[in-house]
Amino acid sequence: MSSTLPTPDQSSHGELEHLVVLIPAWNPDTRLIGLVKELAAYGFAMILVIDDGSPTGSLPIFEQMKAVPSFHLLRHERNRGKGRALKTGFRYILSDLPMIDGVITADADGQHAAADIVAVARAMRDGSDEVTLGVQEFAKDVPLRNWFGNVLTKHIFGFVAGMKVSDTQTGLRAFRRSLLPQLEILPGERYEYEMTVLAYICRHIGKLREIPITTIYMEGDNTSHFHPVWDSLRIYRALVRFYFSSLIY
């Protein structure tokens, strides 16, 4: 599937100048450099990367990105998890970037095209929703384990949160600034945090917008740091905890 967005030019600058792209990263490869360069060309206020305690072998990747305009790096001394990295980014935006209207979270492993990140950013900027999701379509050519895992989680999530979401595992999400203080204090340090955020939005905001994005899957790609057993258990445990807490409040 090819990008539907044009190559960035001067006419595109200014429309995204009050938005930040937030990318948690642990031990990334050179694809992150290309993504950051592409995003910078669109004129975002900042491309904020959180180095979540990456090994020293990743330092050259981060060093190369320092030359990119609008790139900013925050570091965890040790690996603390994707959820904690997202919270670090939210806290930085709230405390140090008062001019920012919203944030778009994206993954560092090549799963999100720059054009799709921009499309989600524009959809939030132009709409009235506080949350916009970039959702993939899981077609027949997607590996069975990926398709099954998403479909199973989607049905469990719908029961727990009381709202259907097409792609519960998407990391491409746009949030308005007004929502960040609520998201920053939600529980979770790793991948389960993203599911808790989505459940919270469905229960307490009750409205979100979905934007179709390119489904990118690289056969044999080992850059994803999602552990299919332990991280899945954390996600389902978070959903169970959220379900019972929603019965109380």
Protein backbone atom coordinates (compact mmCIF):
# COMPACT_ATOMS: atom_id res chain seq x y z
CA MET A 1 0.00 0.00 0.00
CA SER A 2 1.56 3.29 -1.04
CA SER A 3 1.38 6.53 0.91
CA THR A 4 -1.49 8.85 0.04
CA LEU A 5 0.34 11.90 1.37
CA PRO A 6 2.58 14.07 -0.80
CA THR A 7 6.25 14.64 -0.16
CA PRO A 8 6.59 17.36 2.49
CA ASP A 9 7.12 20.85 1.10
CA GLN A 10 7.08 24.39 2.47
CA SER A 11 3.27 24.55 2.24
CA SER A 12 2.96 21.79 4.84
CA HIS A 13 5.07 23.66 7.40
CA GLY A 14 3.15 25.45 10.12
CA GLU A 15 0.15 23.13 10.28
CA LEU A 16 1.82 20.72 12.72
CA GLU A 17 3.99 23.19 14.63
CA HIS A 18 2.05 22.75 17.88
CA LEU A 19 2.21 18.94 17.89
CA VAL A 20 4.86 16.54 19.21
CA VAL A 21 5.59 13.02 18.00
CA LEU A 22 6.58 10.84 20.97
CA ILE A 23 8.55 7.64 20.23
CA PRO A 24 9.62 5.25 23.00
CA ALA A 25 12.70 3.30 21.87
CA TRP A 26 14.72 0.42 23.23
CA ASN A 27 17.66 -0.85 21.18
CA PRO A 28 16.35 0.57 17.86
CA ASP A 29 17.86 -0.01 14.43
CA THR A 30 18.55 2.46 11.60
CA ARG A 31 14.88 2.57 10.56
CA LEU A 32 14.29 4.95 13.45
CA ILE A 33 16.76 7.43 11.94
CA GLY A 34 14.87 7.44 8.65
CA LEU A 35 11.53 7.87 10.40
CA VAL A 36 12.76 10.80 12.50
CA LYS A 37 14.16 12.53 9.40
CA GLU A 38 10.89 12.08 7.52
CA LEU A 39 8.80 13.39 10.41
CA ALA A 40 11.05 16.41 10.90
CA ALA A 41 10.45 17.38 7.26
CA TYR A 42 6.72 17.74 7.98
CA GLY A 43 7.32 20.52 10.49
CA PHE A 44 6.33 18.99 13.82
CA ALA A 45 7.29 21.08 16.84
CA MET A 46 9.40 18.24 18.17
CA ILE A 47 10.24 14.59 17.55
CA LEU A 48 10.67 13.40 21.14
CA VAL A 49 12.44 10.05 21.48
CA ILE A 50 12.71 8.30 24.84
CA ASP A 51 15.75 6.02 25.05
CA ASP A 52 14.44 3.44 27.48
CA GLY A 53 17.79 2.22 28.80
CA SER A 54 19.12 0.89 25.49
CA PRO A 55 22.43 -1.00 25.46
CA THR A 56 25.56 0.92 24.52
CA GLY A 57 25.51 -0.59 21.04
CA SER A 58 22.52 1.62 20.22
CA LEU A 59 24.31 4.87 21.04
CA PRO A 60 25.40 5.53 17.42
CA ILE A 61 21.73 5.41 16.35
CA PHE A 62 20.78 8.11 18.83
CA GLU A 63 23.89 10.16 18.04
CA GLN A 64 23.04 10.26 14.33
CA MET A 65 19.59 11.66 15.07
CA LYS A 66 20.97 14.62 17.03
CA ALA A 67 21.66 16.42 13.75
CA VAL A 68 17.97 16.28 12.78
CA PRO A 69 16.09 19.57 13.36
CA SER A 70 13.38 19.34 16.03
CA PHE A 71 14.78 16.06 17.42
CA HIS A 72 14.98 15.82 21.21
CA LEU A 73 16.19 12.89 23.30
CA LEU A 74 15.34 11.88 26.87
CA ARG A 75 17.01 8.89 28.49
CA HIS A 76 16.21 6.31 31.15
CA GLU A 77 19.33 4.97 32.84
CA ARG A 78 17.83 1.48 32.76
CA ASN A 79 15.03 -0.20 30.87
CA ARG A 80 11.77 0.70 32.59
CA GLY A 81 9.20 -0.35 29.98
CA LYS A 82 7.17 1.26 27.21
CA GLY A 83 4.49 2.51 29.58
CA ARG A 84 7.01 4.35 31.73
CA ALA A 85 8.68 5.81 28.62
CA LEU A 86 5.32 7.18 27.44
CA LYS A 87 4.69 8.71 30.88
CA THR A 88 8.14 10.31 30.81
CA GLY A 89 7.25 11.91 27.48
CA PHE A 90 3.82 13.09 28.68
CA ARG A 91 5.36 14.62 31.81
CA TYR A 92 8.03 16.44 29.78
CA ILE A 93 5.42 17.90 27.42
CA LEU A 94 3.26 19.09 30.33
CA SER A 95 6.14 20.64 32.26
CA ASP A 96 8.45 21.98 29.53
CA LEU A 97 6.38 22.52 26.38
CA PRO A 98 3.44 24.82 27.21
CA MET A 99 2.90 25.73 23.55
CA ILE A 100 2.08 22.13 22.55
CA ASP A 101 -1.57 21.27 21.80
CA GLY A 102 -1.27 17.51 21.40
CA VAL A 103 0.98 14.47 21.12
CA ILE A 104 1.14 11.59 18.66
CA THR A 105 2.69 8.38 19.99
CA ALA A 106 4.37 6.03 17.51
CA ASP A 107 6.53 2.91 17.59
CA ALA A 108 10.26 2.79 16.87
CA ASP A 109 10.32 -0.63 15.19
CA GLY A 110 9.20 0.30 11.67
CA GLN A 111 5.52 -0.52 12.16
CA HIS A 112 4.33 3.03 11.47
CA ALA A 113 4.96 4.94 8.27
CA ALA A 114 5.67 8.67 8.53
CA ALA A 115 2.73 9.39 6.20
CA ASP A 116 0.35 7.55 8.55
CA ILE A 117 1.69 9.38 11.60
CA VAL A 118 1.04 12.66 9.80
CA ALA A 119 -2.46 11.53 8.77
CA VAL A 120 -3.37 10.73 12.39
CA ALA A 121 -1.92 14.06 13.54
CA ARG A 122 -3.95 15.98 10.97
CA ALA A 123 -7.12 14.08 11.85
CA MET A 124 -6.80 15.06 15.50
CA ARG A 125 -5.90 18.65 14.68
CA ASP A 126 -8.88 19.07 12.35
CA GLY A 127 -11.45 17.13 14.40
CA SER A 128 -13.16 17.53 17.75
CA ASP A 129 -12.16 14.19 19.30
CA GLU A 130 -9.66 14.10 22.17
CA VAL A 131 -8.24 10.79 20.93
CA THR A 132 -7.44 9.53 17.43
CA LEU A 133 -6.17 6.02 16.68
CA GLY A 134 -4.31 4.79 13.63
CA VAL A 135 -5.80 1.32 13.06
CA GLN A 136 -4.49 -1.49 10.90
CA GLU A 137 -6.59 -3.89 8.86
CA PHE A 138 -5.55 -7.48 9.57
CA ALA A 139 -5.85 -9.12 6.17
CA LYS A 140 -5.20 -12.71 5.12
CA ASP A 141 -1.49 -12.12 4.48
CA VAL A 142 -0.87 -11.21 8.13
CA PRO A 143 0.59 -14.17 10.11
CA LEU A 144 -2.06 -16.19 11.92
CA ARG A 145 -0.60 -15.54 15.38
CA ASN A 146 -0.80 -11.76 14.82
CA TRP A 147 -4.37 -11.95 13.49
CA PHE A 148 -5.58 -14.32 16.20
CA GLY A 149 -3.93 -12.33 19.00
CA ASN A 150 -5.52 -9.08 17.89
CA VAL A 151 -8.99 -10.56 17.32
CA LEU A 152 -8.96 -12.33 20.71
CA THR A 153 -7.80 -9.21 22.53
CA LYS A 154 -10.33 -7.07 20.66
CA HIS A 155 -13.26 -9.22 21.86
CA ILE A 156 -12.02 -9.35 25.45
CA PHE A 157 -11.41 -5.61 25.38
CA GLY A 158 -14.89 -4.89 24.04
CA PHE A 159 -16.44 -6.81 26.94
CA VAL A 160 -14.27 -5.11 29.57
CA ALA A 161 -14.35 -1.54 28.23
CA GLY A 162 -17.88 -1.61 26.86
CA MET A 163 -16.79 -0.23 23.50
CA LYS A 164 -15.51 -1.77 20.27
CA VAL A 165 -12.10 -0.72 18.95
CA SER A 166 -10.82 -2.00 15.61
CA ASP A 167 -7.17 -2.32 16.64
CA THR A 168 -6.61 -2.47 20.39
CA GLN A 169 -2.86 -3.00 20.02
CA THR A 170 -2.05 0.03 17.92
CA GLY A 171 0.73 2.24 19.26
CA LEU A 172 -0.14 5.04 16.84
CA ARG A 173 -2.37 7.32 18.89
CA ALA A 174 -2.98 11.07 19.08
CA PHE A 175 -4.02 12.77 22.33
CA ARG A 176 -4.97 16.36 22.99
CA ARG A 177 -2.96 18.06 25.70
CA SER A 178 -5.97 18.34 28.03
CA LEU A 179 -6.01 14.54 28.41
CA LEU A 180 -2.33 14.06 29.33
CA PRO A 181 -2.61 14.73 33.11
CA GLN A 182 -5.16 11.91 33.36
CA LEU A 183 -3.07 9.50 31.27
CA GLU A 184 0.14 10.20 33.17
CA ILE A 185 -1.23 8.80 36.44
CA LEU A 186 -2.78 5.59 35.08
CA PRO A 187 -1.12 2.36 36.29
CA GLY A 188 1.23 0.26 34.17
CA GLU A 189 4.90 0.36 33.24
CA ARG A 190 5.16 -1.82 30.16
CA TYR A 191 2.91 -2.79 27.24
CA GLU A 192 -0.12 -3.22 29.49
CA TYR A 193 -0.14 0.54 30.06
CA GLU A 194 -1.32 1.16 26.49
CA MET A 195 -4.27 -1.19 27.03
CA THR A 196 -5.15 0.53 30.31
CA VAL A 197 -5.07 3.91 28.54
CA LEU A 198 -7.42 2.65 25.85
CA ALA A 199 -9.82 1.13 28.37
CA TYR A 200 -9.82 4.35 30.39
CA ILE A 201 -10.65 6.39 27.29
CA CYS A 202 -13.51 4.09 26.34
CA ARG A 203 -14.99 4.15 29.85
CA HIS A 204 -14.44 7.78 30.79
CA ILE A 205 -14.13 9.72 27.52
CA GLY A 206 -16.48 7.49 25.55
CA LYS A 207 -15.45 8.74 22.15
CA LEU A 208 -12.50 8.34 19.82
CA ARG A 209 -11.76 8.51 16.11
CA GLU A 210 -10.18 5.75 14.03
CA ILE A 211 -8.02 6.40 10.96
CA PRO A 212 -7.03 3.46 8.70
CA ILE A 213 -3.27 3.09 8.33
CA THR A 214 -0.90 0.88 6.39
CA THR A 215 -0.39 -2.61 7.79
CA ILE A 216 3.37 -3.12 7.89
CA TYR A 217 4.66 -6.55 8.73
CA MET A 218 8.19 -7.77 8.05
CA GLU A 219 8.46 -11.57 8.01
CA GLY A 220 11.29 -12.71 10.24
CA ASP A 221 11.73 -9.26 11.77
CA ASN A 222 13.07 -9.54 15.31
CA THR A 223 13.09 -5.87 16.33
CA SER A 224 9.79 -6.02 18.23
CA HIS A 225 10.42 -6.31 21.96
CA PHE A 226 6.93 -7.58 22.78
CA HIS A 227 7.13 -10.91 24.62
CA PRO A 228 4.13 -12.95 23.38
CA VAL A 229 3.64 -14.79 26.69
CA TRP A 230 4.64 -12.47 29.53
CA ASP A 231 3.48 -9.23 27.94
CA SER A 232 0.17 -10.80 26.90
CA LEU A 233 -0.36 -11.95 30.49
CA ARG A 234 0.33 -8.42 31.71
CA ILE A 235 -2.20 -7.03 29.23
CA TYR A 236 -4.97 -9.44 30.19
CA ARG A 237 -4.25 -8.94 33.90
CA ALA A 238 -4.54 -5.17 33.38
CA LEU A 239 -7.89 -5.64 31.64
CA VAL A 240 -9.19 -7.83 34.47
CA ARG A 241 -8.04 -5.25 37.03
CA PHE A 242 -9.68 -2.45 35.07
CA TYR A 243 -12.93 -4.41 34.74
CA PHE A 244 -13.30 -4.99 38.49
CA SER A 245 -12.27 -1.44 39.37
CA SER A 246 -14.94 -0.11 36.96
CA LEU A 247 -17.57 -2.10 38.88
CA ILE A 248 -16.63 -0.26 42.06
CA TYR A 249 -16.50 3.29 40.74
